[in-house]
Amino acid sequence: MKKLISLFLSLVLVLLCAVPAGAKKTPASPEPDYPFLLIRGMDFGGLIYKENTLEEEDAFKGVDVKELVSVILKGIGKGLLRGKVSVFTDDIIAYVTDIIGHVACDENGNTKYAVTIPQYEHAMSYYPEFVDDLGNGAEEGLLKLAVERYGAQNVYYYNYDFRLDPFEHARRIDKLINTALKETGKDKINVVTASMGGILMDSYLYKYGCAKVRRVVFMSSTFNGTYVTTDLLQGNVKVRADDLYAFLKQYIDSGDEKLNGLVDFAWKAGLFKVVEKLAAWFVKHAKEQVYDEFLRDTFGTMPTIWALVQPNEFKACLNYMFGGQEAKYAGIIQKAKAYYRMNVQREAMLKRCVANGMELCICASYDRALVPVYERANVHSDSVLESPLMLGNATVALRGETLPADYVPANPDYLSPDRVVDLSPAMFPELTWAIKGAPHVFCGHDTDCGEFMLWLIDQKEQPTVRTSERYPQFMLSSTDQELRLF
C-alpha cells in the first residue's frame, strides 16, 4: 500500500504540471548502418538542486507516506475546528511545496533555482560507469539493450531537465546528433523517443527539419500532446468513483487477497461514490486557492507543460491560467504561443517529413487506468498518457468499454480484435502499433517489448504493420512485457 500511495501522489504531482510475438536478446550485430539515439521521458527524480555543494539534494524530495498522512489528518482536524477548508489546504500546499518547490519556474519560464541533471554529450562509450550501472526497466533497459546490440560507441542518450524550453532542447538535440554523425562517420541517425521525449522530437523537427533523421520511433509518446495538461490548465479537475477504483485495482498485487477484498468491498458498499462527492466538494471550495498559491507558479510556468496542450483548447488554457495577469506572465505566455504555433502544424509537419524520406513508427498501449484527477481520465491509457493521442488521434472507446455494436470503422483492417481501438482516423495507421496491457515506456531489457523496439529500428526498409506476422498491428502484453498475439 505504501508503494501504491507513493506512486499515486508522485503521478499526480507530475501530471499536474505512458503464441509469443517477440524473440529474446540476440548477440551484438556488426557495425550498424546508423547511430542510435534515445530521447528519454520525464525524469522527475533526476533533477539535482545545488549540485556539487554542501546543500546538494534531490530537487524533488519524494513522499514520506507517514508524514503525508500526518499532515492530512492534522489539516482535517484544524479545518474542522476552525470551520474553514482553506486551513486544511494551507497545510497541504505547504507540504507539497516543500517536496516539489525547487522545480518551480519563474514568470518567464526559467528555472527559479540552481537545478541541474546529468548530461551525456558523446557516445555511451565515453561513460562506462554509467553504462555499467544501467537498470533493466523503461528507458535504461532499452539503452542497455541498444548498447549490447550496436556497441556503446554507436549509442547516444539525451537526458534533460523536462521543465524547460522544448526549443532549447531541440538545439541541444541537434548538437548531439551532429556529434553522433561526426563520431560515427554516418549521415543519418535512428531515434527512439519515450514519453516526454516525443514533444522534444516534434520541436527538433520543427526547428531543424528531418534531413539527419533516418527513422524515428515514437514510443508511449507525447508527440501529439496530452489531455491531462490540457484539462488541468483549464481547471477541469475531476475525481470519479469508477476511475479511482480502476486505478487502485491496477496497482494492487493480484495475489493480495485481503487488500483486493477490502477495495472490492468498499466499491460494492458505495464508499468510492462517497469519495467522489467529497472530492467534488473539496475541488469546489479549494481549487481556486490551490491554483493561485501553488499550481500557477509551479507547473503553470513550466514551458514544456504548455507544449503539451491540445491546440484547439490552447486559448481556454491561457485564459484560465493567466487571464487578467498577462503582463506579469508575459514571458511564459510568449513561449507558450510559440509552442501553439508548432502544434497547429504538427500533423502536416510529420507527414511532410515522411514524404521527404524520414521513416516513422508509432507504438503505444491501452487498457490501463489513469491517475483519476482530471476530466478525461476515463479514456484508455498506459497508466500515464492517453491512448487516443499516443496513437495519433485514433478512435478509442472509454476505459472498460468497447466501441458500439453499430460502429463501422472507415477501414475494418485497422479495428482491434477487441473492438476498443480504431486506427482508421490515426495520422499514420499503417505505421502505428497498439499493444493491449503494456505499461508506460514498455521497452525493458531482456523483454519481448524491448526487442520489438529494436526490431523497428533494425528493419532495412520502413516497417509497417504488415511487415511481420510476429509483430502485427495489435498485440497483447503481460505486465512483464512479454508479447503474444490476440
Protein backbone atom coordinates (compact mmCIF):
# COMPACT_ATOMS: atom_id res chain seq x y z
CA MET A 1 0.00 0.00 0.00
CA LYS A 2 2.92 2.33 0.72
CA LYS A 3 4.20 1.84 -2.81
CA LEU A 4 0.72 2.48 -4.20
CA ILE A 5 0.24 5.73 -2.31
CA SER A 6 3.72 6.99 -3.20
CA LEU A 7 3.15 6.19 -6.86
CA PHE A 8 -0.28 7.82 -6.82
CA LEU A 9 0.93 11.08 -5.30
CA SER A 10 4.04 11.23 -7.46
CA LEU A 11 2.00 10.74 -10.61
CA VAL A 12 -0.50 13.41 -9.54
CA LEU A 13 2.31 15.90 -8.97
CA VAL A 14 3.97 15.14 -12.27
CA LEU A 15 0.75 15.12 -14.25
CA LEU A 16 -0.44 18.39 -12.84
CA CYS A 17 2.31 20.19 -14.35
CA ALA A 18 2.91 6.22 -20.68
CA VAL A 19 1.97 -17.68 -29.02
CA PRO A 20 4.98 -15.18 -28.10
CA ALA A 21 5.26 -12.32 -30.53
CA GLY A 22 8.88 -11.46 -29.89
CA ALA A 23 12.30 -13.03 -29.69
CA LYS A 24 14.78 -12.92 -26.84
CA LYS A 25 18.01 -10.93 -26.81
CA THR A 26 20.44 -11.66 -29.63
CA PRO A 27 24.21 -11.09 -29.77
CA ALA A 28 25.58 -7.74 -30.87
CA SER A 29 25.27 -7.10 -34.60
CA PRO A 30 28.11 -5.94 -36.82
CA GLU A 31 28.76 -2.20 -37.05
CA PRO A 32 25.29 -0.67 -37.54
CA ASP A 33 24.43 1.40 -40.57
CA TYR A 34 23.30 4.30 -38.37
CA PRO A 35 23.96 5.51 -34.82
CA PHE A 36 21.16 5.15 -32.26
CA LEU A 37 19.75 7.96 -30.12
CA LEU A 38 17.34 7.52 -27.23
CA ILE A 39 15.49 10.64 -26.06
CA ARG A 40 14.19 9.62 -22.67
CA GLY A 41 10.96 10.63 -20.97
CA MET A 42 10.41 12.89 -18.00
CA ASP A 43 12.90 12.16 -15.21
CA PHE A 44 11.38 13.92 -12.24
CA GLY A 45 13.71 12.19 -9.81
CA GLY A 46 16.87 13.00 -11.78
CA LEU A 47 16.86 16.74 -11.05
CA ILE A 48 19.55 17.86 -8.61
CA TYR A 49 19.42 21.02 -6.52
CA LYS A 50 22.75 22.84 -5.97
CA GLU A 51 24.87 20.05 -7.37
CA ASN A 52 28.42 19.70 -6.00
CA THR A 53 27.75 21.92 -3.00
CA LEU A 54 27.17 21.17 0.66
CA GLU A 55 23.48 21.87 0.07
CA GLU A 56 23.10 19.33 -2.75
CA GLU A 57 19.87 17.34 -2.64
CA ASP A 58 17.23 15.93 -4.95
CA ALA A 59 15.11 18.76 -6.34
CA PHE A 60 12.10 16.51 -5.82
CA LYS A 61 12.36 15.18 -2.28
CA GLY A 62 9.91 12.33 -2.62
CA VAL A 63 6.95 11.41 -0.45
CA ASP A 64 7.13 10.12 3.11
CA VAL A 65 3.80 8.31 3.43
CA LYS A 66 3.59 8.52 7.23
CA GLU A 67 4.41 12.21 7.13
CA LEU A 68 1.84 12.82 4.41
CA VAL A 69 -0.89 11.01 6.34
CA SER A 70 0.02 13.02 9.43
CA VAL A 71 -0.22 16.29 7.52
CA ILE A 72 -3.59 15.32 6.05
CA LEU A 73 -5.07 14.25 9.39
CA LYS A 74 -3.80 17.32 11.21
CA GLY A 75 -5.05 19.54 8.40
CA ILE A 76 -8.51 17.97 8.51
CA GLY A 77 -8.61 18.44 12.28
CA LYS A 78 -7.60 22.09 12.08
CA GLY A 79 -10.03 22.70 9.24
CA LEU A 80 -12.93 21.19 11.18
CA LEU A 81 -12.08 23.12 14.34
CA ARG A 82 -11.93 26.44 12.51
CA GLY A 83 -14.66 25.63 10.02
CA LYS A 84 -12.52 26.60 7.01
CA VAL A 85 -11.35 24.45 4.12
CA SER A 86 -8.52 26.92 3.48
CA VAL A 87 -6.87 25.94 6.77
CA PHE A 88 -6.55 22.34 5.58
CA THR A 89 -5.50 23.46 2.11
CA ASP A 90 -2.80 25.71 3.56
CA ASP A 91 -1.12 22.74 5.25
CA ILE A 92 -1.27 20.56 2.13
CA ILE A 93 0.12 23.31 -0.10
CA ALA A 94 2.95 23.97 2.34
CA TYR A 95 3.84 20.28 2.48
CA VAL A 96 3.75 19.73 -1.29
CA THR A 97 5.67 22.97 -1.93
CA ASP A 98 8.42 21.76 0.40
CA ILE A 99 8.63 18.49 -1.56
CA ILE A 100 8.48 19.95 -5.03
CA GLY A 101 9.27 23.63 -4.64
CA HIS A 102 12.77 23.55 -6.14
CA VAL A 103 11.40 22.53 -9.52
CA ALA A 104 9.36 25.74 -9.88
CA CYS A 105 9.94 28.14 -12.77
CA ASP A 106 9.54 31.91 -12.81
CA GLU A 107 7.08 34.01 -14.83
CA ASN A 108 9.38 33.86 -17.86
CA GLY A 109 9.56 30.07 -17.87
CA ASN A 110 13.11 29.92 -16.49
CA THR A 111 14.12 27.81 -13.51
CA LYS A 112 13.97 29.66 -10.20
CA TYR A 113 16.64 27.57 -8.54
CA ALA A 114 20.04 26.04 -9.29
CA VAL A 115 18.72 22.74 -10.64
CA THR A 116 20.73 20.50 -12.95
CA ILE A 117 20.58 17.00 -14.41
CA PRO A 118 23.38 14.75 -15.76
CA GLN A 119 24.21 15.31 -19.45
CA TYR A 120 25.75 12.88 -21.95
CA GLU A 121 27.27 14.81 -24.83
CA HIS A 122 29.04 11.91 -26.56
CA ALA A 123 28.54 8.23 -27.29
CA MET A 124 27.90 5.90 -24.37
CA SER A 125 31.44 4.56 -24.75
CA TYR A 126 32.58 7.80 -23.06
CA TYR A 127 30.54 6.92 -19.94
CA PRO A 128 31.41 3.31 -18.99
CA GLU A 129 30.43 3.68 -15.32
CA PHE A 130 27.01 5.00 -16.28
CA VAL A 131 26.51 2.14 -18.74
CA ASP A 132 27.61 -0.44 -16.17
CA ASP A 133 25.01 0.87 -13.71
CA LEU A 134 22.07 0.85 -16.13
CA GLY A 135 18.93 -0.80 -14.83
CA ASN A 136 16.65 -3.15 -16.73
CA GLY A 137 13.43 -1.18 -16.84
CA ALA A 138 11.98 1.55 -19.05
CA GLU A 139 14.49 3.80 -20.84
CA GLU A 140 17.52 2.38 -19.06
CA GLY A 141 16.56 -1.11 -20.15
CA LEU A 142 16.31 -0.06 -23.79
CA LEU A 143 19.56 1.89 -23.60
CA LYS A 144 21.27 -1.17 -22.15
CA LEU A 145 19.83 -3.35 -24.89
CA ALA A 146 20.95 -0.87 -27.57
CA VAL A 147 24.50 -0.81 -26.20
CA GLU A 148 24.61 -4.60 -26.35
CA ARG A 149 23.17 -4.65 -29.87
CA TYR A 150 25.02 -1.77 -31.53
CA GLY A 151 28.05 -1.16 -29.30
CA ALA A 152 28.43 1.73 -26.85
CA GLN A 153 30.35 3.75 -29.46
CA ASN A 154 27.22 3.93 -31.61
CA VAL A 155 24.63 4.71 -28.93
CA TYR A 156 23.64 8.19 -27.68
CA TYR A 157 21.33 9.29 -24.89
CA TYR A 158 19.57 12.60 -24.41
CA ASN A 159 18.85 13.26 -20.74
CA TYR A 160 17.36 16.63 -19.87
CA ASP A 161 15.56 18.95 -17.50
CA PHE A 162 12.00 18.18 -18.56
CA ARG A 163 10.60 21.52 -17.33
CA LEU A 164 12.39 23.85 -19.67
CA ASP A 165 12.01 25.24 -23.20
CA PRO A 166 11.47 22.47 -25.80
CA PHE A 167 13.11 24.66 -28.44
CA GLU A 168 16.27 24.88 -26.32
CA HIS A 169 16.14 21.08 -26.04
CA ALA A 170 15.78 20.94 -29.83
CA ARG A 171 19.01 22.94 -30.14
CA ARG A 172 20.81 20.55 -27.80
CA ILE A 173 19.42 17.50 -29.58
CA ASP A 174 20.68 18.93 -32.86
CA LYS A 175 24.10 19.39 -31.29
CA LEU A 176 24.09 15.79 -30.02
CA ILE A 177 23.00 14.46 -33.42
CA ASN A 178 25.79 16.40 -35.11
CA THR A 179 28.24 14.91 -32.61
CA ALA A 180 26.91 11.41 -33.31
CA LEU A 181 27.25 11.81 -37.06
CA LYS A 182 30.76 13.17 -36.69
CA GLU A 183 31.90 10.47 -34.25
CA THR A 184 30.42 7.59 -36.27
CA GLY A 185 31.02 8.95 -39.77
CA LYS A 186 27.38 8.33 -40.73
CA ASP A 187 24.99 10.70 -42.47
CA LYS A 188 21.79 9.94 -40.54
CA ILE A 189 20.65 8.70 -37.15
CA ASN A 190 17.92 6.44 -35.76
CA VAL A 191 15.91 7.90 -32.87
CA VAL A 192 13.60 6.41 -30.25
CA THR A 193 11.61 8.93 -28.23
CA ALA A 194 9.99 7.86 -24.97
CA SER A 195 7.12 9.67 -23.27
CA MET A 196 8.01 13.39 -22.89
CA GLY A 197 10.73 12.87 -25.48
CA GLY A 198 8.02 12.88 -28.14
CA ILE A 199 7.27 16.59 -27.85
CA LEU A 200 11.02 17.30 -27.87
CA MET A 201 11.36 15.39 -31.13
CA ASP A 202 8.48 17.43 -32.55
CA SER A 203 10.37 20.55 -31.53
CA TYR A 204 13.57 19.30 -33.16
CA LEU A 205 11.81 18.50 -36.45
CA TYR A 206 10.03 21.86 -36.37
CA LYS A 207 13.27 23.79 -35.85
CA TYR A 208 15.83 21.71 -37.76
CA GLY A 209 13.94 19.51 -40.19
CA CYS A 210 14.37 15.80 -40.82
CA ALA A 211 17.41 15.63 -43.11
CA LYS A 212 19.60 13.99 -40.42
CA VAL A 213 16.97 11.50 -39.22
CA ARG A 214 16.69 8.12 -40.90
CA ARG A 215 13.91 6.70 -38.68
CA VAL A 216 12.11 7.85 -35.53
CA VAL A 217 10.05 5.66 -33.21
CA PHE A 218 7.51 7.45 -31.02
CA MET A 219 7.02 5.08 -28.08
CA SER A 220 4.49 5.83 -25.30
CA SER A 221 4.96 9.34 -26.56
CA THR A 222 3.71 12.90 -26.08
CA PHE A 223 4.31 13.71 -29.75
CA ASN A 224 0.59 14.52 -30.03
CA GLY A 225 0.23 16.34 -26.69
CA THR A 226 -1.79 15.21 -23.67
CA TYR A 227 -5.27 15.59 -22.25
CA VAL A 228 -4.03 15.82 -18.67
CA THR A 229 -2.18 19.09 -19.21
CA THR A 230 -4.99 20.44 -21.37
CA ASP A 231 -7.61 19.64 -18.74
CA LEU A 232 -5.70 20.80 -15.70
CA LEU A 233 -4.58 24.07 -17.28
CA GLN A 234 -8.29 24.82 -17.71
CA GLY A 235 -9.18 23.84 -14.16
CA ASN A 236 -11.00 20.70 -15.32
CA VAL A 237 -10.31 18.76 -12.12
CA LYS A 238 -12.48 15.69 -11.67
CA VAL A 239 -12.44 12.60 -9.46
CA ARG A 240 -14.84 9.84 -10.49
CA ALA A 241 -15.53 6.77 -8.41
CA ASP A 242 -15.01 4.24 -11.20
CA ASP A 243 -11.75 5.92 -12.31
CA LEU A 244 -10.41 5.76 -8.77
CA TYR A 245 -11.46 2.14 -8.34
CA ALA A 246 -9.84 1.10 -11.63
CA PHE A 247 -6.64 2.96 -10.78
CA LEU A 248 -6.29 1.33 -7.37
CA LYS A 249 -7.07 -2.16 -8.64
CA GLN A 250 -4.43 -1.77 -11.31
CA TYR A 251 -1.66 -1.41 -8.73
CA ILE A 252 -2.77 -3.97 -6.17
CA ASP A 253 -0.98 -7.29 -6.40
CA SER A 254 -3.50 -9.82 -7.68
CA GLY A 255 -2.26 -12.21 -5.01
CA ASP A 256 -3.03 -9.79 -2.19
CA GLU A 257 -6.46 -11.20 -1.38
CA LYS A 258 -7.02 -9.06 1.71
CA LEU A 259 -6.32 -5.74 0.03
CA ASN A 260 -8.24 -6.72 -3.09
CA GLY A 261 -11.14 -7.84 -0.95
CA LEU A 262 -11.08 -4.59 1.01
CA VAL A 263 -11.13 -2.45 -2.14
CA ASP A 264 -13.89 -4.56 -3.70
CA PHE A 265 -15.94 -4.30 -0.52
CA ALA A 266 -15.51 -0.53 -0.49
CA TRP A 267 -16.66 -0.40 -4.11
CA LYS A 268 -19.76 -2.54 -3.50
CA ALA A 269 -20.60 -0.58 -0.35
CA GLY A 270 -20.60 2.67 -2.31
CA LEU A 271 -17.64 4.18 -0.46
CA PHE A 272 -15.98 5.24 -3.71
CA LYS A 273 -19.08 7.28 -4.53
CA VAL A 274 -18.71 8.96 -1.15
CA VAL A 275 -15.09 9.78 -2.01
CA GLU A 276 -16.24 11.18 -5.36
CA LYS A 277 -18.70 13.51 -3.63
CA LEU A 278 -16.16 14.60 -1.04
CA ALA A 279 -13.62 15.27 -3.79
CA ALA A 280 -16.15 17.35 -5.73
CA TRP A 281 -16.90 19.36 -2.58
CA PHE A 282 -13.20 19.90 -1.92
CA VAL A 283 -12.50 20.93 -5.52
CA LYS A 284 -15.36 23.42 -5.40
CA HIS A 285 -14.06 25.08 -2.24
CA ALA A 286 -10.30 24.72 -2.61
CA LYS A 287 -9.45 24.69 -6.32
CA GLU A 288 -9.00 28.43 -6.65
CA GLN A 289 -6.63 28.55 -3.70
CA VAL A 290 -4.58 25.59 -4.98
CA TYR A 291 -4.17 27.19 -8.40
CA ASP A 292 -3.43 30.66 -7.03
CA GLU A 293 -0.96 29.59 -4.36
CA PHE A 294 0.70 26.59 -5.94
CA LEU A 295 -0.13 25.29 -9.42
CA ARG A 296 0.07 28.52 -11.41
CA ASP A 297 3.59 29.37 -10.21
CA THR A 298 4.92 25.83 -10.11
CA PHE A 299 3.60 23.87 -13.07
CA GLY A 300 1.86 26.67 -14.92
CA THR A 301 5.18 28.38 -15.63
CA MET A 302 6.96 25.29 -16.97
CA PRO A 303 7.46 25.73 -20.73
CA THR A 304 7.25 22.05 -21.65
CA ILE A 305 3.88 21.74 -19.94
CA TRP A 306 2.50 24.30 -22.40
CA ALA A 307 3.93 22.41 -25.36
CA LEU A 308 1.62 19.50 -24.45
CA VAL A 309 -1.64 21.46 -24.69
CA GLN A 310 -4.11 20.48 -27.41
CA PRO A 311 -4.05 23.43 -29.86
CA ASN A 312 -7.84 23.72 -30.16
CA GLU A 313 -8.04 24.33 -26.39
CA PHE A 314 -4.94 26.49 -26.03
CA LYS A 315 -6.75 29.81 -25.70
CA ALA A 316 -9.03 28.46 -22.96
CA CYS A 317 -5.97 27.20 -21.04
CA LEU A 318 -4.16 30.51 -21.41
CA ASN A 319 -7.18 32.46 -20.20
CA TYR A 320 -7.77 30.20 -17.20
CA MET A 321 -4.16 30.30 -16.02
CA PHE A 322 -3.18 33.88 -16.80
CA GLY A 323 -6.37 35.82 -17.56
CA GLY A 324 -6.06 39.33 -16.11
CA GLN A 325 -2.37 38.76 -15.31
CA GLU A 326 -0.96 38.82 -18.84
CA ALA A 327 1.64 41.48 -18.07
CA LYS A 328 3.06 39.55 -15.12
CA TYR A 329 3.32 36.31 -17.09
CA ALA A 330 4.27 37.82 -20.45
CA GLY A 331 7.45 35.71 -20.71
CA ILE A 332 5.84 32.29 -20.34
CA ILE A 333 2.86 33.37 -22.45
CA GLN A 334 5.18 34.30 -25.32
CA LYS A 335 6.84 30.88 -25.15
CA ALA A 336 3.50 29.08 -24.89
CA LYS A 337 2.25 30.82 -28.03
CA ALA A 338 5.34 29.65 -29.92
CA TYR A 339 4.58 26.03 -28.97
CA TYR A 340 0.97 26.56 -30.01
CA ARG A 341 2.12 27.63 -33.48
CA MET A 342 4.20 24.46 -33.72
CA ASN A 343 1.37 22.22 -32.58
CA VAL A 344 -1.11 23.67 -35.06
CA GLN A 345 1.26 22.48 -37.80
CA ARG A 346 2.27 19.21 -36.11
CA GLU A 347 0.42 16.65 -38.24
CA ALA A 348 1.27 18.42 -41.50
CA MET A 349 4.90 18.70 -40.40
CA LEU A 350 5.20 14.98 -39.64
CA LYS A 351 3.54 14.00 -42.90
CA ARG A 352 5.87 16.31 -44.77
CA CYS A 353 8.87 14.69 -43.09
CA VAL A 354 7.65 11.24 -44.13
CA ALA A 355 7.06 12.46 -47.67
CA ASN A 356 10.64 13.76 -47.68
CA GLY A 357 12.08 10.37 -46.74
CA MET A 358 12.09 10.24 -42.93
CA GLU A 359 10.78 6.89 -41.73
CA LEU A 360 8.44 6.79 -38.74
CA CYS A 361 6.83 4.31 -36.35
CA ILE A 362 4.31 4.91 -33.56
CA CYS A 363 3.83 2.48 -30.67
CA ALA A 364 1.55 2.87 -27.67
CA SER A 365 -0.54 0.75 -25.35
CA TYR A 366 -4.05 0.80 -23.97
CA ASP A 367 -6.31 -0.90 -21.39
CA ARG A 368 -4.86 0.74 -18.28
CA ALA A 369 -6.25 3.35 -15.88
CA LEU A 370 -5.02 6.91 -15.45
CA VAL A 371 -4.48 8.96 -12.29
CA PRO A 372 -8.11 9.89 -11.57
CA VAL A 373 -7.85 13.64 -11.08
CA TYR A 374 -8.99 15.21 -14.37
CA GLU A 375 -11.95 15.28 -16.73
CA ARG A 376 -10.64 12.93 -19.42
CA ALA A 377 -9.03 10.43 -17.07
CA ASN A 378 -11.66 7.89 -18.15
CA VAL A 379 -10.03 7.18 -21.52
CA HIS A 380 -7.83 4.18 -22.27
CA SER A 381 -4.18 4.72 -21.39
CA ASP A 382 -0.88 3.13 -20.46
CA SER A 383 -1.45 4.41 -16.88
CA VAL A 384 0.38 7.70 -17.58
CA LEU A 385 -0.67 9.04 -21.01
CA GLU A 386 -3.87 8.81 -23.01
CA SER A 387 -4.05 6.19 -25.76
CA PRO A 388 -6.06 8.17 -28.37
CA LEU A 389 -3.34 10.84 -28.51
CA MET A 390 -0.36 8.48 -28.24
CA LEU A 391 -1.79 6.57 -31.20
CA GLY A 392 -2.02 9.71 -33.32
CA ASN A 393 -5.72 10.62 -32.96
CA ALA A 394 -7.14 7.11 -33.08
CA THR A 395 -10.75 6.46 -32.12
CA VAL A 396 -10.66 4.63 -28.79
CA ALA A 397 -13.53 3.51 -26.56
CA LEU A 398 -13.70 4.74 -22.98
CA ARG A 399 -11.82 2.58 -20.50
CA GLY A 400 -13.81 -0.54 -19.63
CA GLU A 401 -15.94 -0.26 -22.75
CA THR A 402 -15.80 -1.24 -26.40
CA LEU A 403 -16.85 0.72 -29.45
CA PRO A 404 -20.64 0.47 -30.02
CA ALA A 405 -22.03 -2.57 -31.81
CA ASP A 406 -23.19 -0.38 -34.67
CA TYR A 407 -19.83 1.37 -35.01
CA VAL A 408 -18.39 0.97 -38.50
CA PRO A 409 -14.69 1.79 -38.99
CA ALA A 410 -13.57 3.52 -42.16
CA ASN A 411 -11.24 0.55 -42.70
CA PRO A 412 -12.02 -2.68 -40.80
CA ASP A 413 -8.36 -3.72 -41.08
CA TYR A 414 -7.50 -1.05 -38.51
CA LEU A 415 -10.02 -2.17 -35.87
CA SER A 416 -8.58 -4.05 -32.89
CA PRO A 417 -9.90 -7.60 -32.32
CA ASP A 418 -11.47 -6.48 -29.02
CA ARG A 419 -13.25 -3.54 -30.74
CA VAL A 420 -11.59 -0.97 -28.48
CA VAL A 421 -9.23 0.81 -30.89
CA ASP A 422 -9.86 2.01 -34.42
CA LEU A 423 -6.73 3.30 -36.12
CA SER A 424 -8.53 4.31 -39.31
CA PRO A 425 -8.51 8.04 -38.42
CA ALA A 426 -4.97 7.99 -36.98
CA MET A 427 -2.22 10.10 -38.57
CA PHE A 428 -0.30 7.04 -39.80
CA PRO A 429 -2.47 3.92 -39.50
CA GLU A 430 -0.05 1.68 -41.43
CA LEU A 431 2.82 2.75 -39.17
CA THR A 432 1.07 2.50 -35.80
CA TRP A 433 1.10 -0.44 -33.36
CA ALA A 434 -1.30 -0.69 -30.40
CA ILE A 435 -0.38 -3.08 -27.59
CA LYS A 436 -3.02 -4.00 -25.05
CA GLY A 437 -1.87 -4.06 -21.43
CA ALA A 438 1.70 -2.85 -21.87
CA PRO A 439 2.99 -0.39 -19.25
CA HIS A 440 4.17 3.13 -19.94
CA VAL A 441 7.54 3.15 -21.76
CA PHE A 442 7.40 -0.58 -22.49
CA CYS A 443 10.96 -1.36 -23.53
CA GLY A 444 12.57 -3.23 -20.66
CA HIS A 445 15.84 -5.09 -21.09
CA ASP A 446 15.50 -8.79 -21.92
CA THR A 447 11.80 -8.45 -22.74
CA ASP A 448 9.77 -9.01 -25.89
CA CYS A 449 8.76 -5.36 -25.86
CA GLY A 450 12.37 -4.20 -25.77
CA GLU A 451 13.22 -6.48 -28.67
CA PHE A 452 10.23 -5.15 -30.59
CA MET A 453 11.56 -1.60 -30.24
CA LEU A 454 14.90 -2.58 -31.76
CA TRP A 455 13.18 -4.68 -34.43
CA LEU A 456 11.50 -1.46 -35.58
CA ILE A 457 14.92 0.21 -35.79
CA ASP A 458 16.73 -2.72 -37.43
CA GLN A 459 14.49 -3.18 -40.47
CA LYS A 460 16.28 -2.20 -43.68
CA GLU A 461 13.10 -0.69 -45.12
CA GLN A 462 10.30 1.25 -43.46
CA PRO A 463 8.45 -1.33 -41.32
CA THR A 464 4.66 -1.37 -41.44
CA VAL A 465 2.04 -3.30 -39.54
CA ARG A 466 2.09 -5.79 -42.45
CA THR A 467 5.85 -6.43 -42.41
CA SER A 468 5.93 -9.33 -39.95
CA GLU A 469 3.40 -11.83 -38.61
CA ARG A 470 5.34 -11.74 -35.36
CA TYR A 471 4.55 -8.06 -34.87
CA PRO A 472 1.04 -7.32 -36.18
CA GLN A 473 -0.72 -4.03 -35.57
CA PHE A 474 -2.49 -5.25 -32.43
CA MET A 475 -0.75 -7.33 -29.78
CA LEU A 476 -1.18 -8.28 -26.13
CA SER A 477 1.39 -7.68 -23.41
CA SER A 478 1.75 -9.17 -19.95
CA THR A 479 2.80 -6.92 -17.08
CA ASP A 480 6.39 -8.15 -17.54
CA GLN A 481 6.30 -7.10 -21.22
CA GLU A 482 6.03 -10.50 -22.84
CA LEU A 483 4.14 -10.17 -26.13
CA ARG A 484 1.61 -12.52 -27.65
CA LEU A 485 -0.92 -12.42 -30.45
CA PHE A 486 -4.62 -11.73 -30.00
